[in-house]
Amino acid sequence: MDRTNDSTQGNFILLGFSDRPHLERILFVVILIAYLLTLVGNTTIILVSRLDPHLHTPMYFFLTHLSFLDLSFTTSSIPQLLYNLNGRDKTISYTGCAIQLFLFLGLGGVECLLLAVMAYDRFVAVCKPLHYLVIMNPRLCMGLVSLAWGCGVANSLIMSPMTLWLPRCGYCKVDHFLCEMPALIQMACVNTAAIEGIAFILAVGIVLSPLVFILISYGYIMRAVLSIQSSSGRHKVFNTCGSHLTVVSLFYGNIIYMYMQPGTSSSKDQGKFLTLFYNIVTPLLNPMIYTFRNKEVKGALRRLILGNLSSRKRL
């Protein structure tokens, strides 16, 4: 191959842990089980939120979008990952890599912003409960979700081409499971300081700014909670807000570590496992967190199951 050509003319090779086949076999089984559970859990959240009239509120509107994002986020990469782990073929086409990178960056950015929107929803619910339904009207909810999607896609439209167009001098081996931005940047045969600087600036807007907004929102929420006299009222707020804070901690912790330092600062194996964590574990845990800690979701599930059983008995 001519070393002046770029890998746009051929396939990428995803190395992953190809030097440790026993580890790949274990990962295949674990990831397959986790992916199936993720599909079931997030699909259940979407169906319950849509079918139960008691959950037709702004909070569950945003939760439905979060579950849809988690489904899309994992499905954009996990099937390809399972295919590569299960056989000797570790290749992915340039087009497939470009689509995977675009979806990964876009959906990840949308989720960062959506979590900030959900924090604002909790802020209004706790700090301005009497005006909650007036403020969080359907038009505003749809506008906030559309803004999150628009900014996430715009970020991906900027970063994906810049990452893919970096000269790689014919090198096509990606030392990762996925076509992820840090791994692709490391493949470049030119100085990448400029693109890393742009990535950092965009990460401040897409990742850090929403996180700061979330922390400020929860600062006001904590102040409001401390003024609640009823222990049951405080417990209810802690339940709903605690679920959201847990999800925020899981998601943002990994994203910040990976994308605020996109170059070569972290070890390769560490980066691979962190990617697997926020691509598999976080979407898997989100439905569990919101279900186990939320009486409304558990009640809705109970009503739907009992309703189906009673309708079958009538038949």
C-alpha atoms as a PDB file:
ATOM      1  CA  MET A   1       0.000   0.000   0.000  1.00  0.00           C
ATOM      2  CA  ASP A   2       1.252   3.493  -0.809  1.00  0.00           C
ATOM      3  CA  ARG A   3       2.062   5.148   2.505  1.00  0.00           C
ATOM      4  CA  THR A   4       0.842   8.522   1.207  1.00  0.00           C
ATOM      5  CA  ASN A   5      -2.671   7.193   0.836  1.00  0.00           C
ATOM      6  CA  ASP A   6      -5.129   7.470   3.669  1.00  0.00           C
ATOM      7  CA  SER A   7      -7.236   4.620   5.024  1.00  0.00           C
ATOM      8  CA  THR A   8     -10.317   6.121   3.403  1.00  0.00           C
ATOM      9  CA  GLN A   9      -9.535   3.754   0.529  1.00  0.00           C
ATOM     10  CA  GLY A  10      -9.885   0.593   2.604  1.00  0.00           C
ATOM     11  CA  ASN A  11     -11.035  -0.939   5.861  1.00  0.00           C
ATOM     12  CA  PHE A  12     -10.007  -0.241   9.409  1.00  0.00           C
ATOM     13  CA  ILE A  13      -8.815  -3.066  11.641  1.00  0.00           C
ATOM     14  CA  LEU A  14     -10.149  -2.915  15.195  1.00  0.00           C
ATOM     15  CA  LEU A  15      -7.477  -4.565  17.330  1.00  0.00           C
ATOM     16  CA  GLY A  16      -9.321  -4.546  20.664  1.00  0.00           C
ATOM     17  CA  PHE A  17      -7.796  -7.361  22.746  1.00  0.00           C
ATOM     18  CA  SER A  18      -6.907  -9.512  19.713  1.00  0.00           C
ATOM     19  CA  ASP A  19      -3.621 -10.448  21.408  1.00  0.00           C
ATOM     20  CA  ARG A  20      -5.687 -11.977  24.269  1.00  0.00           C
ATOM     21  CA  PRO A  21      -8.309 -14.248  22.650  1.00  0.00           C
ATOM     22  CA  HIS A  22      -9.381 -15.779  25.980  1.00  0.00           C
ATOM     23  CA  LEU A  23     -10.316 -12.300  27.245  1.00  0.00           C
ATOM     24  CA  GLU A  24     -12.254 -11.595  24.042  1.00  0.00           C
ATOM     25  CA  ARG A  25     -14.314 -14.776  24.514  1.00  0.00           C
ATOM     26  CA  ILE A  26     -15.221 -13.746  28.057  1.00  0.00           C
ATOM     27  CA  LEU A  27     -16.066 -10.223  26.917  1.00  0.00           C
ATOM     28  CA  PHE A  28     -18.277 -11.577  24.126  1.00  0.00           C
ATOM     29  CA  VAL A  29     -20.482 -13.481  26.581  1.00  0.00           C
ATOM     30  CA  VAL A  30     -20.611 -10.637  29.125  1.00  0.00           C
ATOM     31  CA  ILE A  31     -21.341  -7.944  26.527  1.00  0.00           C
ATOM     32  CA  LEU A  32     -23.990 -10.060  24.764  1.00  0.00           C
ATOM     33  CA  ILE A  33     -25.886 -10.631  28.028  1.00  0.00           C
ATOM     34  CA  ALA A  34     -25.529  -6.970  29.030  1.00  0.00           C
ATOM     35  CA  TYR A  35     -26.715  -5.792  25.597  1.00  0.00           C
ATOM     36  CA  LEU A  36     -29.827  -7.993  25.685  1.00  0.00           C
ATOM     37  CA  LEU A  37     -30.659  -6.764  29.202  1.00  0.00           C
ATOM     38  CA  THR A  38     -30.116  -3.175  28.040  1.00  0.00           C
ATOM     39  CA  LEU A  39     -32.578  -3.682  25.177  1.00  0.00           C
ATOM     40  CA  VAL A  40     -35.195  -5.179  27.510  1.00  0.00           C
ATOM     41  CA  GLY A  41     -34.724  -2.610  30.295  1.00  0.00           C
ATOM     42  CA  ASN A  42     -34.796   0.534  28.178  1.00  0.00           C
ATOM     43  CA  THR A  43     -37.618  -0.742  25.947  1.00  0.00           C
ATOM     44  CA  THR A  44     -39.636  -1.446  29.109  1.00  0.00           C
ATOM     45  CA  ILE A  45     -39.075   2.110  30.373  1.00  0.00           C
ATOM     46  CA  ILE A  46     -40.243   3.536  27.018  1.00  0.00           C
ATOM     47  CA  LEU A  47     -43.350   1.331  26.836  1.00  0.00           C
ATOM     48  CA  VAL A  48     -44.351   1.899  30.470  1.00  0.00           C
ATOM     49  CA  SER A  49     -43.889   5.675  30.165  1.00  0.00           C
ATOM     50  CA  ARG A  50     -46.006   5.773  27.012  1.00  0.00           C
ATOM     51  CA  LEU A  51     -48.747   3.308  28.032  1.00  0.00           C
ATOM     52  CA  ASP A  52     -49.447   4.416  31.615  1.00  0.00           C
ATOM     53  CA  PRO A  53     -51.384   7.724  31.797  1.00  0.00           C
ATOM     54  CA  HIS A  54     -49.959   8.410  35.273  1.00  0.00           C
ATOM     55  CA  LEU A  55     -46.501   8.769  33.717  1.00  0.00           C
ATOM     56  CA  HIS A  56     -47.483  11.316  31.075  1.00  0.00           C
ATOM     57  CA  THR A  57     -45.460  14.036  32.822  1.00  0.00           C
ATOM     58  CA  PRO A  58     -42.375  16.049  31.790  1.00  0.00           C
ATOM     59  CA  MET A  59     -40.075  13.897  33.938  1.00  0.00           C
ATOM     60  CA  TYR A  60     -41.052  10.681  32.143  1.00  0.00           C
ATOM     61  CA  PHE A  61     -41.081  12.432  28.780  1.00  0.00           C
ATOM     62  CA  PHE A  62     -37.382  13.157  29.291  1.00  0.00           C
ATOM     63  CA  LEU A  63     -36.764   9.685  30.738  1.00  0.00           C
ATOM     64  CA  THR A  64     -38.279   8.153  27.583  1.00  0.00           C
ATOM     65  CA  HIS A  65     -35.818  10.140  25.467  1.00  0.00           C
ATOM     66  CA  LEU A  66     -32.948   9.052  27.727  1.00  0.00           C
ATOM     67  CA  SER A  67     -33.911   5.387  27.272  1.00  0.00           C
ATOM     68  CA  PHE A  68     -34.197   5.870  23.505  1.00  0.00           C
ATOM     69  CA  LEU A  69     -30.749   7.459  23.499  1.00  0.00           C
ATOM     70  CA  ASP A  70     -29.310   4.550  25.473  1.00  0.00           C
ATOM     71  CA  LEU A  71     -30.826   2.075  23.014  1.00  0.00           C
ATOM     72  CA  SER A  72     -29.423   4.007  20.055  1.00  0.00           C
ATOM     73  CA  PHE A  73     -26.058   4.564  21.743  1.00  0.00           C
ATOM     74  CA  THR A  74     -25.433   0.870  22.393  1.00  0.00           C
ATOM     75  CA  THR A  75     -26.931  -0.357  19.095  1.00  0.00           C
ATOM     76  CA  SER A  76     -24.658   1.994  17.120  1.00  0.00           C
ATOM     77  CA  SER A  77     -21.605  -0.003  18.158  1.00  0.00           C
ATOM     78  CA  ILE A  78     -22.332  -3.204  20.127  1.00  0.00           C
ATOM     79  CA  PRO A  79     -23.474  -5.452  17.205  1.00  0.00           C
ATOM     80  CA  GLN A  80     -20.249  -4.641  15.338  1.00  0.00           C
ATOM     81  CA  LEU A  81     -18.255  -5.179  18.533  1.00  0.00           C
ATOM     82  CA  LEU A  82     -19.852  -8.598  19.123  1.00  0.00           C
ATOM     83  CA  TYR A  83     -19.140  -9.586  15.514  1.00  0.00           C
ATOM     84  CA  ASN A  84     -15.462  -8.678  15.892  1.00  0.00           C
ATOM     85  CA  LEU A  85     -15.120 -10.388  19.268  1.00  0.00           C
ATOM     86  CA  ASN A  86     -16.677 -13.628  18.015  1.00  0.00           C
ATOM     87  CA  GLY A  87     -14.355 -14.266  15.081  1.00  0.00           C
ATOM     88  CA  ARG A  88     -11.038 -13.571  13.445  1.00  0.00           C
ATOM     89  CA  ASP A  89     -12.423 -10.828  11.232  1.00  0.00           C
ATOM     90  CA  LYS A  90     -11.656  -7.558  13.041  1.00  0.00           C
ATOM     91  CA  THR A  91     -12.313  -5.218  10.124  1.00  0.00           C
ATOM     92  CA  ILE A  92     -14.814  -2.412   9.717  1.00  0.00           C
ATOM     93  CA  SER A  93     -15.304  -0.455   6.503  1.00  0.00           C
ATOM     94  CA  TYR A  94     -14.381   3.234   6.324  1.00  0.00           C
ATOM     95  CA  THR A  95     -18.064   4.096   5.874  1.00  0.00           C
ATOM     96  CA  GLY A  96     -19.040   1.920   8.833  1.00  0.00           C
ATOM     97  CA  CYS A  97     -16.342   3.543  10.958  1.00  0.00           C
ATOM     98  CA  ALA A  98     -17.502   7.032   9.946  1.00  0.00           C
ATOM     99  CA  ILE A  99     -21.138   6.233  10.812  1.00  0.00           C
ATOM    100  CA  GLN A 100     -20.120   4.690  14.128  1.00  0.00           C
ATOM    101  CA  LEU A 101     -17.993   7.717  15.074  1.00  0.00           C
ATOM    102  CA  PHE A 102     -20.726  10.171  14.044  1.00  0.00           C
ATOM    103  CA  LEU A 103     -23.406   8.363  16.064  1.00  0.00           C
ATOM    104  CA  PHE A 104     -21.099   7.868  19.042  1.00  0.00           C
ATOM    105  CA  LEU A 105     -20.180  11.558  19.268  1.00  0.00           C
ATOM    106  CA  GLY A 106     -23.668  12.794  18.389  1.00  0.00           C
ATOM    107  CA  LEU A 107     -25.653  10.578  20.751  1.00  0.00           C
ATOM    108  CA  GLY A 108     -23.101  11.052  23.530  1.00  0.00           C
ATOM    109  CA  GLY A 109     -23.400  14.831  23.200  1.00  0.00           C
ATOM    110  CA  VAL A 110     -27.191  14.674  23.184  1.00  0.00           C
ATOM    111  CA  GLU A 111     -27.161  12.593  26.372  1.00  0.00           C
ATOM    112  CA  CYS A 112     -24.909  15.101  28.169  1.00  0.00           C
ATOM    113  CA  LEU A 113     -27.331  17.914  27.351  1.00  0.00           C
ATOM    114  CA  LEU A 114     -30.432  15.837  28.055  1.00  0.00           C
ATOM    115  CA  LEU A 115     -29.173  15.081  31.563  1.00  0.00           C
ATOM    116  CA  ALA A 116     -28.865  18.849  32.099  1.00  0.00           C
ATOM    117  CA  VAL A 117     -32.440  19.298  30.871  1.00  0.00           C
ATOM    118  CA  MET A 118     -33.589  16.617  33.318  1.00  0.00           C
ATOM    119  CA  ALA A 119     -31.772  18.461  36.127  1.00  0.00           C
ATOM    120  CA  TYR A 120     -33.687  21.637  35.215  1.00  0.00           C
ATOM    121  CA  ASP A 121     -36.928  19.659  35.298  1.00  0.00           C
ATOM    122  CA  ARG A 122     -36.129  18.452  38.830  1.00  0.00           C
ATOM    123  CA  PHE A 123     -35.170  21.998  39.847  1.00  0.00           C
ATOM    124  CA  VAL A 124     -38.542  23.361  38.739  1.00  0.00           C
ATOM    125  CA  ALA A 125     -40.417  20.431  40.338  1.00  0.00           C
ATOM    126  CA  VAL A 126     -38.736  20.922  43.729  1.00  0.00           C
ATOM    127  CA  CYS A 127     -38.179  24.677  43.886  1.00  0.00           C
ATOM    128  CA  LYS A 128     -41.341  25.854  42.086  1.00  0.00           C
ATOM    129  CA  PRO A 129     -43.848  23.012  42.553  1.00  0.00           C
ATOM    130  CA  LEU A 130     -46.974  25.186  42.213  1.00  0.00           C
ATOM    131  CA  HIS A 131     -45.847  26.462  38.805  1.00  0.00           C
ATOM    132  CA  TYR A 132     -44.303  23.192  37.603  1.00  0.00           C
ATOM    133  CA  LEU A 133     -46.867  22.232  34.948  1.00  0.00           C
ATOM    134  CA  VAL A 134     -47.112  25.825  33.732  1.00  0.00           C
ATOM    135  CA  ILE A 135     -43.346  26.214  33.330  1.00  0.00           C
ATOM    136  CA  MET A 136     -42.657  22.698  32.040  1.00  0.00           C
ATOM    137  CA  ASN A 137     -45.362  22.846  29.385  1.00  0.00           C
ATOM    138  CA  PRO A 138     -45.245  20.473  26.377  1.00  0.00           C
ATOM    139  CA  ARG A 139     -43.901  23.189  24.079  1.00  0.00           C
ATOM    140  CA  LEU A 140     -40.941  23.942  26.357  1.00  0.00           C
ATOM    141  CA  CYS A 141     -40.222  20.245  26.898  1.00  0.00           C
ATOM    142  CA  MET A 142     -40.131  19.585  23.167  1.00  0.00           C
ATOM    143  CA  GLY A 143     -37.995  22.692  22.623  1.00  0.00           C
ATOM    144  CA  LEU A 144     -35.434  21.612  25.231  1.00  0.00           C
ATOM    145  CA  VAL A 145     -35.200  18.097  23.782  1.00  0.00           C
ATOM    146  CA  SER A 146     -34.848  19.516  20.248  1.00  0.00           C
ATOM    147  CA  LEU A 147     -32.089  21.861  21.453  1.00  0.00           C
ATOM    148  CA  ALA A 148     -30.212  18.935  23.011  1.00  0.00           C
ATOM    149  CA  TRP A 149     -30.477  16.923  19.794  1.00  0.00           C
ATOM    150  CA  GLY A 150     -29.456  19.893  17.637  1.00  0.00           C
ATOM    151  CA  CYS A 151     -26.344  20.731  19.687  1.00  0.00           C
ATOM    152  CA  GLY A 152     -25.269  17.082  19.930  1.00  0.00           C
ATOM    153  CA  VAL A 153     -25.583  16.542  16.186  1.00  0.00           C
ATOM    154  CA  ALA A 154     -23.788  19.850  15.460  1.00  0.00           C
ATOM    155  CA  ASN A 155     -20.882  18.805  17.688  1.00  0.00           C
ATOM    156  CA  SER A 156     -20.624  15.494  15.848  1.00  0.00           C
ATOM    157  CA  LEU A 157     -20.796  17.217  12.444  1.00  0.00           C
ATOM    158  CA  ILE A 158     -17.737  19.261  13.434  1.00  0.00           C
ATOM    159  CA  MET A 159     -15.627  16.617  15.178  1.00  0.00           C
ATOM    160  CA  SER A 160     -16.327  13.533  13.029  1.00  0.00           C
ATOM    161  CA  PRO A 161     -14.968  14.890   9.711  1.00  0.00           C
ATOM    162  CA  MET A 162     -12.003  16.560  11.438  1.00  0.00           C
ATOM    163  CA  THR A 163     -11.065  13.264  13.107  1.00  0.00           C
ATOM    164  CA  LEU A 164     -11.572  11.106  10.009  1.00  0.00           C
ATOM    165  CA  TRP A 165      -9.687  13.484   7.704  1.00  0.00           C
ATOM    166  CA  LEU A 166      -6.506  13.387   9.800  1.00  0.00           C
ATOM    167  CA  PRO A 167      -3.630  11.967   7.699  1.00  0.00           C
ATOM    168  CA  ARG A 168      -2.804   8.429   8.807  1.00  0.00           C
ATOM    169  CA  CYS A 169      -0.156   7.671   6.146  1.00  0.00           C
ATOM    170  CA  GLY A 170      -1.805   4.362   5.241  1.00  0.00           C
ATOM    171  CA  TYR A 171      -2.005   3.122   8.831  1.00  0.00           C
ATOM    172  CA  CYS A 172      -5.373   1.426   9.384  1.00  0.00           C
ATOM    173  CA  LYS A 173      -5.074  -0.449  12.700  1.00  0.00           C
ATOM    174  CA  VAL A 174      -7.266   1.070  15.431  1.00  0.00           C
ATOM    175  CA  ASP A 175      -6.049   0.037  18.879  1.00  0.00           C
ATOM    176  CA  HIS A 176      -9.591  -0.151  20.225  1.00  0.00           C
ATOM    177  CA  PHE A 177     -12.887  -2.054  20.001  1.00  0.00           C
ATOM    178  CA  LEU A 178     -14.651   0.841  18.302  1.00  0.00           C
ATOM    179  CA  CYS A 179     -14.041   3.763  15.975  1.00  0.00           C
ATOM    180  CA  GLU A 180     -13.744   6.180  18.862  1.00  0.00           C
ATOM    181  CA  MET A 181     -12.295   9.671  18.591  1.00  0.00           C
ATOM    182  CA  PRO A 182      -9.291   9.332  20.965  1.00  0.00           C
ATOM    183  CA  ALA A 183      -8.164   6.081  19.287  1.00  0.00           C
ATOM    184  CA  LEU A 184      -8.494   7.589  15.785  1.00  0.00           C
ATOM    185  CA  ILE A 185      -6.589  10.722  16.809  1.00  0.00           C
ATOM    186  CA  GLN A 186      -3.737   8.551  18.093  1.00  0.00           C
ATOM    187  CA  MET A 187      -3.434   6.969  14.629  1.00  0.00           C
ATOM    188  CA  ALA A 188      -2.566  10.282  12.959  1.00  0.00           C
ATOM    189  CA  CYS A 189       0.922  10.721  11.521  1.00  0.00           C
ATOM    190  CA  VAL A 190       0.832  14.507  12.009  1.00  0.00           C
ATOM    191  CA  ASN A 191       0.768  16.802  15.022  1.00  0.00           C
ATOM    192  CA  THR A 192      -2.739  16.652  16.493  1.00  0.00           C
ATOM    193  CA  ALA A 193      -2.452  19.521  18.988  1.00  0.00           C
ATOM    194  CA  ALA A 194      -4.878  21.697  16.996  1.00  0.00           C
ATOM    195  CA  ILE A 195      -7.671  19.116  16.764  1.00  0.00           C
ATOM    196  CA  GLU A 196      -7.180  18.152  20.416  1.00  0.00           C
ATOM    197  CA  GLY A 197      -7.549  21.838  21.324  1.00  0.00           C
ATOM    198  CA  ILE A 198     -10.778  22.091  19.306  1.00  0.00           C
ATOM    199  CA  ALA A 199     -12.043  18.876  20.903  1.00  0.00           C
ATOM    200  CA  PHE A 200     -11.306  20.305  24.347  1.00  0.00           C
ATOM    201  CA  ILE A 201     -13.147  23.564  23.590  1.00  0.00           C
ATOM    202  CA  LEU A 202     -16.200  21.700  22.253  1.00  0.00           C
ATOM    203  CA  ALA A 203     -16.074  19.361  25.247  1.00  0.00           C
ATOM    204  CA  VAL A 204     -16.295  22.388  27.541  1.00  0.00           C
ATOM    205  CA  GLY A 205     -19.543  23.373  25.814  1.00  0.00           C
ATOM    206  CA  ILE A 206     -21.044  19.903  25.420  1.00  0.00           C
ATOM    207  CA  VAL A 207     -19.745  18.194  28.572  1.00  0.00           C
ATOM    208  CA  LEU A 208     -18.538  20.627  31.244  1.00  0.00           C
ATOM    209  CA  SER A 209     -21.118  23.398  30.811  1.00  0.00           C
ATOM    210  CA  PRO A 210     -24.105  21.033  31.272  1.00  0.00           C
ATOM    211  CA  LEU A 211     -22.336  19.470  34.254  1.00  0.00           C
ATOM    212  CA  VAL A 212     -21.867  22.875  35.893  1.00  0.00           C
ATOM    213  CA  PHE A 213     -25.546  23.621  35.230  1.00  0.00           C
ATOM    214  CA  ILE A 214     -26.517  20.296  36.832  1.00  0.00           C
ATOM    215  CA  LEU A 215     -24.423  21.019  39.933  1.00  0.00           C
ATOM    216  CA  ILE A 216     -25.906  24.510  40.301  1.00  0.00           C
ATOM    217  CA  SER A 217     -29.431  23.127  39.878  1.00  0.00           C
ATOM    218  CA  TYR A 218     -28.831  20.544  42.578  1.00  0.00           C
ATOM    219  CA  GLY A 219     -27.363  23.188  44.840  1.00  0.00           C
ATOM    220  CA  TYR A 220     -30.722  25.000  44.725  1.00  0.00           C
ATOM    221  CA  ILE A 221     -32.563  21.687  45.092  1.00  0.00           C
ATOM    222  CA  MET A 222     -30.584  20.780  48.222  1.00  0.00           C
ATOM    223  CA  ARG A 223     -31.346  24.173  49.738  1.00  0.00           C
ATOM    224  CA  ALA A 224     -35.054  23.678  49.006  1.00  0.00           C
ATOM    225  CA  VAL A 225     -35.013  20.120  50.390  1.00  0.00           C
ATOM    226  CA  LEU A 226     -33.477  21.250  53.686  1.00  0.00           C
ATOM    227  CA  SER A 227     -36.380  23.657  54.168  1.00  0.00           C
ATOM    228  CA  ILE A 228     -38.984  20.858  53.784  1.00  0.00           C
ATOM    229  CA  GLN A 229     -40.419  20.019  57.206  1.00  0.00           C
ATOM    230  CA  SER A 230     -41.936  16.642  56.280  1.00  0.00           C
ATOM    231  CA  SER A 231     -39.524  13.699  56.358  1.00  0.00           C
ATOM    232  CA  SER A 232     -41.667  11.842  53.804  1.00  0.00           C
ATOM    233  CA  GLY A 233     -41.460  14.852  51.470  1.00  0.00           C
ATOM    234  CA  ARG A 234     -37.675  14.932  51.776  1.00  0.00           C
ATOM    235  CA  HIS A 235     -37.513  11.183  51.190  1.00  0.00           C
ATOM    236  CA  LYS A 236     -39.578  11.474  47.990  1.00  0.00           C
ATOM    237  CA  VAL A 237     -37.349  14.240  46.611  1.00  0.00           C
ATOM    238  CA  PHE A 238     -34.188  12.317  47.476  1.00  0.00           C
ATOM    239  CA  ASN A 239     -35.553   9.253  45.672  1.00  0.00           C
ATOM    240  CA  THR A 240     -36.299  10.984  42.382  1.00  0.00           C
ATOM    241  CA  CYS A 241     -33.276  13.293  42.439  1.00  0.00           C
ATOM    242  CA  GLY A 242     -30.978  10.538  43.714  1.00  0.00           C
ATOM    243  CA  SER A 243     -31.754   8.399  40.654  1.00  0.00           C
ATOM    244  CA  HIS A 244     -30.849  11.247  38.325  1.00  0.00           C
ATOM    245  CA  LEU A 245     -27.663  12.103  40.236  1.00  0.00           C
ATOM    246  CA  THR A 246     -26.536   8.469  40.113  1.00  0.00           C
ATOM    247  CA  VAL A 247     -27.008   8.367  36.339  1.00  0.00           C
ATOM    248  CA  VAL A 248     -25.184  11.705  35.965  1.00  0.00           C
ATOM    249  CA  SER A 249     -22.229  10.450  38.021  1.00  0.00           C
ATOM    250  CA  LEU A 250     -21.909   7.228  36.018  1.00  0.00           C
ATOM    251  CA  PHE A 251     -22.166   8.908  32.628  1.00  0.00           C
ATOM    252  CA  TYR A 252     -20.231  12.131  33.156  1.00  0.00           C
ATOM    253  CA  GLY A 253     -17.388  10.552  35.096  1.00  0.00           C
ATOM    254  CA  ASN A 254     -16.316   8.409  32.143  1.00  0.00           C
ATOM    255  CA  ILE A 255     -17.071  10.976  29.442  1.00  0.00           C
ATOM    256  CA  ILE A 256     -15.001  13.692  31.131  1.00  0.00           C
ATOM    257  CA  TYR A 257     -12.067  11.350  31.685  1.00  0.00           C
ATOM    258  CA  MET A 258     -12.074  10.195  28.063  1.00  0.00           C
ATOM    259  CA  TYR A 259     -12.889  13.356  26.106  1.00  0.00           C
ATOM    260  CA  MET A 260     -11.297  16.122  28.130  1.00  0.00           C
ATOM    261  CA  GLN A 261      -7.954  14.412  27.372  1.00  0.00           C
ATOM    262  CA  PRO A 262      -8.445  12.909  23.892  1.00  0.00           C
ATOM    263  CA  GLY A 263      -4.799  12.333  23.034  1.00  0.00           C
ATOM    264  CA  THR A 264      -2.371   9.879  24.600  1.00  0.00           C
ATOM    265  CA  SER A 265      -2.556  10.722  28.291  1.00  0.00           C
ATOM    266  CA  SER A 266      -4.424   7.611  29.470  1.00  0.00           C
ATOM    267  CA  SER A 267      -3.294   4.003  29.108  1.00  0.00           C
ATOM    268  CA  LYS A 268      -4.720   2.121  26.138  1.00  0.00           C
ATOM    269  CA  ASP A 269      -6.283  -0.716  28.134  1.00  0.00           C
ATOM    270  CA  GLN A 270      -7.779   1.752  30.588  1.00  0.00           C
ATOM    271  CA  GLY A 271      -9.397   3.658  27.734  1.00  0.00           C
ATOM    272  CA  LYS A 272     -10.846   0.453  26.281  1.00  0.00           C
ATOM    273  CA  PHE A 273     -12.442  -0.620  29.546  1.00  0.00           C
ATOM    274  CA  LEU A 274     -13.806   2.875  30.212  1.00  0.00           C
ATOM    275  CA  THR A 275     -15.393   2.859  26.759  1.00  0.00           C
ATOM    276  CA  LEU A 276     -17.005  -0.504  27.475  1.00  0.00           C
ATOM    277  CA  PHE A 277     -18.251   0.863  30.793  1.00  0.00           C
ATOM    278  CA  TYR A 278     -20.107   3.894  29.468  1.00  0.00           C
ATOM    279  CA  ASN A 279     -21.192   2.074  26.310  1.00  0.00           C
ATOM    280  CA  ILE A 280     -22.541  -1.018  28.098  1.00  0.00           C
ATOM    281  CA  VAL A 281     -22.756  -0.644  31.869  1.00  0.00           C
ATOM    282  CA  THR A 282     -24.298   2.849  32.039  1.00  0.00           C
ATOM    283  CA  PRO A 283     -27.183   2.133  29.587  1.00  0.00           C
ATOM    284  CA  LEU A 284     -27.741  -1.178  31.396  1.00  0.00           C
ATOM    285  CA  LEU A 285     -27.928   0.419  34.847  1.00  0.00           C
ATOM    286  CA  ASN A 286     -30.088   3.436  33.910  1.00  0.00           C
ATOM    287  CA  PRO A 287     -33.416   1.516  33.739  1.00  0.00           C
ATOM    288  CA  MET A 288     -32.555  -0.382  36.921  1.00  0.00           C
ATOM    289  CA  ILE A 289     -31.746   2.834  38.792  1.00  0.00           C
ATOM    290  CA  TYR A 290     -34.948   4.564  37.716  1.00  0.00           C
ATOM    291  CA  THR A 291     -37.071   1.453  38.340  1.00  0.00           C
ATOM    292  CA  PHE A 292     -35.762   0.247  41.696  1.00  0.00           C
ATOM    293  CA  ARG A 293     -35.694   3.730  43.244  1.00  0.00           C
ATOM    294  CA  ASN A 294     -38.983   4.939  41.775  1.00  0.00           C
ATOM    295  CA  LYS A 295     -42.362   3.884  43.190  1.00  0.00           C
ATOM    296  CA  GLU A 296     -44.251   5.454  40.264  1.00  0.00           C
ATOM    297  CA  VAL A 297     -42.469   3.284  37.668  1.00  0.00           C
ATOM    298  CA  LYS A 298     -42.886   0.155  39.809  1.00  0.00           C
ATOM    299  CA  GLY A 299     -46.568   0.983  40.265  1.00  0.00           C
ATOM    300  CA  ALA A 300     -47.017   1.510  36.522  1.00  0.00           C
ATOM    301  CA  LEU A 301     -45.346  -1.841  35.793  1.00  0.00           C
ATOM    302  CA  ARG A 302     -47.633  -3.529  38.323  1.00  0.00           C
ATOM    303  CA  ARG A 303     -50.749  -1.954  36.797  1.00  0.00           C
ATOM    304  CA  LEU A 304     -49.748  -2.964  33.272  1.00  0.00           C
ATOM    305  CA  ILE A 305     -48.955  -6.559  34.274  1.00  0.00           C
ATOM    306  CA  LEU A 306     -52.143  -6.947  36.319  1.00  0.00           C
ATOM    307  CA  GLY A 307     -54.159  -5.317  33.542  1.00  0.00           C
ATOM    308  CA  ASN A 308     -52.809  -7.780  30.980  1.00  0.00           C
ATOM    309  CA  LEU A 309     -53.481 -10.732  33.287  1.00  0.00           C
ATOM    310  CA  SER A 310     -57.078  -9.648  33.950  1.00  0.00           C
ATOM    311  CA  SER A 311     -57.768  -9.099  30.251  1.00  0.00           C
ATOM    312  CA  ARG A 312     -56.456 -12.593  29.474  1.00  0.00           C
ATOM    313  CA  LYS A 313     -58.728 -14.110  32.118  1.00  0.00           C
ATOM    314  CA  ARG A 314     -61.750 -12.438  30.507  1.00  0.00           C
ATOM    315  CA  LEU A 315     -60.811 -14.003  27.189  1.00  0.00           C
END
